[in-house]
Amino acid sequence: MARRHALRRLAARPVDGDIAPADLATGDWWEAEAESVEERAFVSLIPRCGCCIGYTLGLDRRTWEAGIRTAALALTSSAPGGPGC
């Protein structure tokens, strides 16, 4: 449950403009176990590293950034996965 709360907080950062979408490609978020549709959509767009954005996703950077922001907004707007989110 703590990991789901952290994922929601992470998604809020590009929505709020606190982090560039490419900076999400740090850590191991790409392998997080997502439970909700919104979590899965967000996690599926997080590449293993910043240099893998185009290679892994097959998208240009602007398309990917728009997609990650849209998925992050959907996640932060969705019902929390449990208490404390």
N, C-alpha and C. Protein backbone atom coordinates (compact mmCIF):
# COMPACT_ATOMS: atom_id res chain seq x y z
N MET A 1 0.82 -1.18 0.00
CA MET A 1 0.00 0.00 0.00
C MET A 1 0.88 1.26 0.00
N ALA A 2 1.98 1.21 0.71
CA ALA A 2 2.87 2.38 0.76
C ALA A 2 3.41 2.72 -0.63
N ARG A 3 3.70 1.70 -1.40
CA ARG A 3 4.22 1.92 -2.76
C ARG A 3 3.16 2.59 -3.63
N ARG A 4 1.91 2.22 -3.45
CA ARG A 4 0.82 2.85 -4.23
C ARG A 4 0.67 4.32 -3.84
N HIS A 5 0.80 4.62 -2.56
CA HIS A 5 0.74 6.02 -2.11
C HIS A 5 1.89 6.82 -2.72
N ALA A 6 3.08 6.23 -2.71
CA ALA A 6 4.25 6.90 -3.28
C ALA A 6 4.09 7.11 -4.79
N LEU A 7 3.51 6.16 -5.47
CA LEU A 7 3.28 6.28 -6.91
C LEU A 7 2.32 7.44 -7.20
N ARG A 8 1.30 7.59 -6.39
CA ARG A 8 0.35 8.69 -6.54
C ARG A 8 1.05 10.03 -6.31
N ARG A 9 1.90 10.09 -5.29
CA ARG A 9 2.66 11.33 -5.03
C ARG A 9 3.62 11.62 -6.18
N LEU A 10 4.23 10.59 -6.74
CA LEU A 10 5.12 10.76 -7.89
C LEU A 10 4.35 11.31 -9.08
N ALA A 11 3.16 10.80 -9.32
CA ALA A 11 2.34 11.26 -10.45
C ALA A 11 1.95 12.73 -10.29
N ALA A 12 1.82 13.19 -9.07
CA ALA A 12 1.44 14.58 -8.85
C ALA A 12 2.55 15.54 -9.25
N ARG A 13 3.78 15.10 -9.23
CA ARG A 13 4.91 15.99 -9.50
C ARG A 13 4.92 16.54 -10.93
N PRO A 14 4.76 15.75 -11.99
CA PRO A 14 4.71 16.36 -13.32
C PRO A 14 3.42 17.17 -13.55
N VAL A 15 2.35 16.79 -12.87
CA VAL A 15 1.10 17.55 -12.98
C VAL A 15 1.30 18.94 -12.40
N ASP A 16 1.99 19.02 -11.27
CA ASP A 16 2.24 20.29 -10.59
C ASP A 16 3.40 21.06 -11.21
N GLY A 17 4.13 20.43 -12.13
CA GLY A 17 5.29 21.08 -12.73
C GLY A 17 6.53 21.02 -11.87
N ASP A 18 6.54 20.16 -10.85
CA ASP A 18 7.68 20.03 -9.95
C ASP A 18 8.81 19.18 -10.51
N ILE A 19 8.53 18.43 -11.57
CA ILE A 19 9.52 17.53 -12.15
C ILE A 19 9.25 17.39 -13.65
N ALA A 20 10.29 17.30 -14.41
CA ALA A 20 10.14 17.05 -15.85
C ALA A 20 9.79 15.58 -16.06
N PRO A 21 8.96 15.27 -17.03
CA PRO A 21 8.61 13.87 -17.26
C PRO A 21 9.82 12.95 -17.41
N ALA A 22 10.87 13.40 -18.04
CA ALA A 22 12.05 12.56 -18.22
C ALA A 22 12.70 12.18 -16.90
N ASP A 23 12.52 13.01 -15.87
CA ASP A 23 13.09 12.72 -14.56
C ASP A 23 12.36 11.58 -13.85
N LEU A 24 11.22 11.17 -14.37
CA LEU A 24 10.51 10.02 -13.80
C LEU A 24 11.24 8.72 -14.12
N ALA A 25 12.14 8.76 -15.07
CA ALA A 25 12.84 7.55 -15.51
C ALA A 25 13.99 7.19 -14.59
N THR A 26 13.95 7.64 -13.37
CA THR A 26 14.96 7.26 -12.39
C THR A 26 14.32 6.33 -11.38
N GLY A 27 15.10 5.50 -10.78
CA GLY A 27 14.55 4.56 -9.82
C GLY A 27 13.95 3.35 -10.51
N ASP A 28 13.14 2.66 -9.79
CA ASP A 28 12.55 1.42 -10.31
C ASP A 28 11.04 1.51 -10.46
N TRP A 29 10.53 2.69 -10.72
CA TRP A 29 9.08 2.87 -10.85
C TRP A 29 8.49 2.09 -12.01
N TRP A 30 9.26 1.91 -13.06
CA TRP A 30 8.76 1.20 -14.24
C TRP A 30 8.37 -0.24 -13.92
N GLU A 31 8.88 -0.78 -12.82
CA GLU A 31 8.53 -2.16 -12.47
C GLU A 31 7.58 -2.24 -11.27
N ALA A 32 7.00 -1.11 -10.89
CA ALA A 32 6.05 -1.10 -9.77
C ALA A 32 4.81 -1.92 -10.12
N GLU A 33 4.30 -2.62 -9.13
CA GLU A 33 3.07 -3.39 -9.32
C GLU A 33 1.89 -2.46 -9.18
N ALA A 34 1.28 -2.13 -10.29
CA ALA A 34 0.14 -1.23 -10.32
C ALA A 34 -1.15 -2.05 -10.26
N GLU A 35 -2.12 -1.55 -9.52
CA GLU A 35 -3.36 -2.29 -9.37
C GLU A 35 -4.52 -1.68 -10.15
N SER A 36 -4.64 -0.36 -10.13
CA SER A 36 -5.77 0.26 -10.82
C SER A 36 -5.42 0.53 -12.28
N VAL A 37 -6.43 0.80 -13.07
CA VAL A 37 -6.24 1.13 -14.49
C VAL A 37 -5.35 2.37 -14.61
N GLU A 38 -5.61 3.36 -13.77
CA GLU A 38 -4.84 4.61 -13.82
C GLU A 38 -3.38 4.37 -13.43
N GLU A 39 -3.15 3.56 -12.42
CA GLU A 39 -1.78 3.24 -12.03
C GLU A 39 -1.05 2.51 -13.15
N ARG A 40 -1.71 1.53 -13.76
CA ARG A 40 -1.08 0.78 -14.85
C ARG A 40 -0.77 1.68 -16.03
N ALA A 41 -1.67 2.59 -16.37
CA ALA A 41 -1.44 3.50 -17.50
C ALA A 41 -0.23 4.39 -17.23
N PHE A 42 -0.11 4.89 -16.02
CA PHE A 42 1.02 5.76 -15.66
C PHE A 42 2.33 4.97 -15.66
N VAL A 43 2.35 3.84 -14.97
CA VAL A 43 3.56 3.03 -14.86
C VAL A 43 4.02 2.53 -16.23
N SER A 44 3.09 2.22 -17.11
CA SER A 44 3.47 1.69 -18.42
C SER A 44 4.26 2.69 -19.25
N LEU A 45 4.16 3.96 -18.91
CA LEU A 45 4.88 5.00 -19.66
C LEU A 45 6.22 5.37 -19.05
N ILE A 46 6.56 4.80 -17.91
CA ILE A 46 7.83 5.12 -17.26
C ILE A 46 8.91 4.17 -17.78
N PRO A 47 9.87 4.70 -18.55
CA PRO A 47 10.95 3.84 -19.07
C PRO A 47 12.00 3.56 -18.00
N ARG A 48 12.86 2.63 -18.27
CA ARG A 48 13.91 2.25 -17.32
C ARG A 48 14.91 3.36 -17.08
N CYS A 49 15.19 4.14 -18.10
CA CYS A 49 16.13 5.25 -17.96
C CYS A 49 15.78 6.33 -18.97
N GLY A 50 16.33 7.53 -18.76
CA GLY A 50 16.03 8.65 -19.63
C GLY A 50 16.43 8.42 -21.07
N CYS A 51 17.52 7.72 -21.29
CA CYS A 51 17.97 7.49 -22.66
C CYS A 51 17.11 6.47 -23.39
N CYS A 52 16.27 5.76 -22.67
CA CYS A 52 15.43 4.72 -23.27
C CYS A 52 14.06 5.22 -23.71
N ILE A 53 13.76 6.49 -23.52
CA ILE A 53 12.42 6.99 -23.82
C ILE A 53 12.01 6.66 -25.25
N GLY A 54 12.78 7.08 -26.22
CA GLY A 54 12.45 6.81 -27.61
C GLY A 54 12.58 5.35 -27.97
N TYR A 55 13.61 4.69 -27.47
CA TYR A 55 13.86 3.29 -27.80
C TYR A 55 12.79 2.37 -27.21
N THR A 56 12.51 2.55 -25.94
CA THR A 56 11.57 1.68 -25.25
C THR A 56 10.13 1.90 -25.69
N LEU A 57 9.76 3.16 -25.82
CA LEU A 57 8.37 3.47 -26.08
C LEU A 57 8.04 3.65 -27.55
N GLY A 58 9.05 3.85 -28.37
CA GLY A 58 8.82 4.03 -29.79
C GLY A 58 8.09 5.33 -30.11
N LEU A 59 8.20 6.31 -29.24
CA LEU A 59 7.52 7.58 -29.42
C LEU A 59 8.52 8.71 -29.46
N ASP A 60 8.12 9.82 -30.05
CA ASP A 60 8.98 10.98 -29.93
C ASP A 60 8.80 11.56 -28.53
N ARG A 61 9.75 12.33 -28.11
CA ARG A 61 9.77 12.82 -26.73
C ARG A 61 8.54 13.66 -26.38
N ARG A 62 8.10 14.53 -27.27
CA ARG A 62 6.94 15.38 -26.97
C ARG A 62 5.67 14.55 -26.82
N THR A 63 5.50 13.56 -27.65
CA THR A 63 4.33 12.68 -27.55
C THR A 63 4.35 11.94 -26.22
N TRP A 64 5.53 11.43 -25.86
CA TRP A 64 5.66 10.72 -24.59
C TRP A 64 5.38 11.65 -23.41
N GLU A 65 5.94 12.86 -23.43
CA GLU A 65 5.72 13.79 -22.33
C GLU A 65 4.25 14.13 -22.17
N ALA A 66 3.55 14.33 -23.27
CA ALA A 66 2.12 14.61 -23.21
C ALA A 66 1.37 13.40 -22.63
N GLY A 67 1.76 12.22 -23.04
CA GLY A 67 1.12 11.00 -22.54
C GLY A 67 1.35 10.79 -21.06
N ILE A 68 2.57 11.05 -20.59
CA ILE A 68 2.87 10.84 -19.18
C ILE A 68 2.13 11.86 -18.32
N ARG A 69 2.02 13.09 -18.83
CA ARG A 69 1.26 14.11 -18.08
C ARG A 69 -0.23 13.74 -18.02
N THR A 70 -0.77 13.26 -19.12
CA THR A 70 -2.18 12.86 -19.16
C THR A 70 -2.43 11.70 -18.20
N ALA A 71 -1.54 10.71 -18.23
CA ALA A 71 -1.68 9.55 -17.34
C ALA A 71 -1.51 9.96 -15.88
N ALA A 72 -0.58 10.87 -15.61
CA ALA A 72 -0.36 11.35 -14.25
C ALA A 72 -1.59 12.10 -13.74
N LEU A 73 -2.19 12.92 -14.59
CA LEU A 73 -3.38 13.66 -14.20
C LEU A 73 -4.55 12.70 -13.94
N ALA A 74 -4.69 11.69 -14.77
CA ALA A 74 -5.74 10.69 -14.55
C ALA A 74 -5.54 9.97 -13.22
N LEU A 75 -4.30 9.63 -12.90
CA LEU A 75 -4.02 8.94 -11.65
C LEU A 75 -4.30 9.84 -10.46
N THR A 76 -3.82 11.07 -10.50
CA THR A 76 -4.03 11.96 -9.37
C THR A 76 -5.49 12.38 -9.21
N SER A 77 -6.27 12.28 -10.26
CA SER A 77 -7.69 12.63 -10.22
C SER A 77 -8.58 11.45 -9.84
N SER A 78 -8.01 10.25 -9.88
CA SER A 78 -8.81 9.05 -9.59
C SER A 78 -8.98 8.87 -8.08
N ALA A 79 -9.90 8.00 -7.74
CA ALA A 79 -10.13 7.68 -6.33
C ALA A 79 -8.89 7.03 -5.74
N PRO A 80 -8.53 7.40 -4.52
CA PRO A 80 -7.35 6.80 -3.88
C PRO A 80 -7.48 5.28 -3.75
N GLY A 81 -6.33 4.61 -3.79
CA GLY A 81 -6.31 3.16 -3.69
C GLY A 81 -6.48 2.65 -2.28
N GLY A 82 -6.46 3.52 -1.31
CA GLY A 82 -6.60 3.11 0.08
C GLY A 82 -6.50 4.31 0.98
N PRO A 83 -6.58 4.10 2.28
CA PRO A 83 -6.51 5.21 3.21
C PRO A 83 -5.15 5.90 3.15
N GLY A 84 -5.18 7.23 3.24
CA GLY A 84 -3.94 7.99 3.30
C GLY A 84 -3.44 8.50 1.97
N CYS A 85 -4.06 8.14 0.84
CA CYS A 85 -3.60 8.62 -0.46
C CYS A 85 -4.02 10.04 -0.69
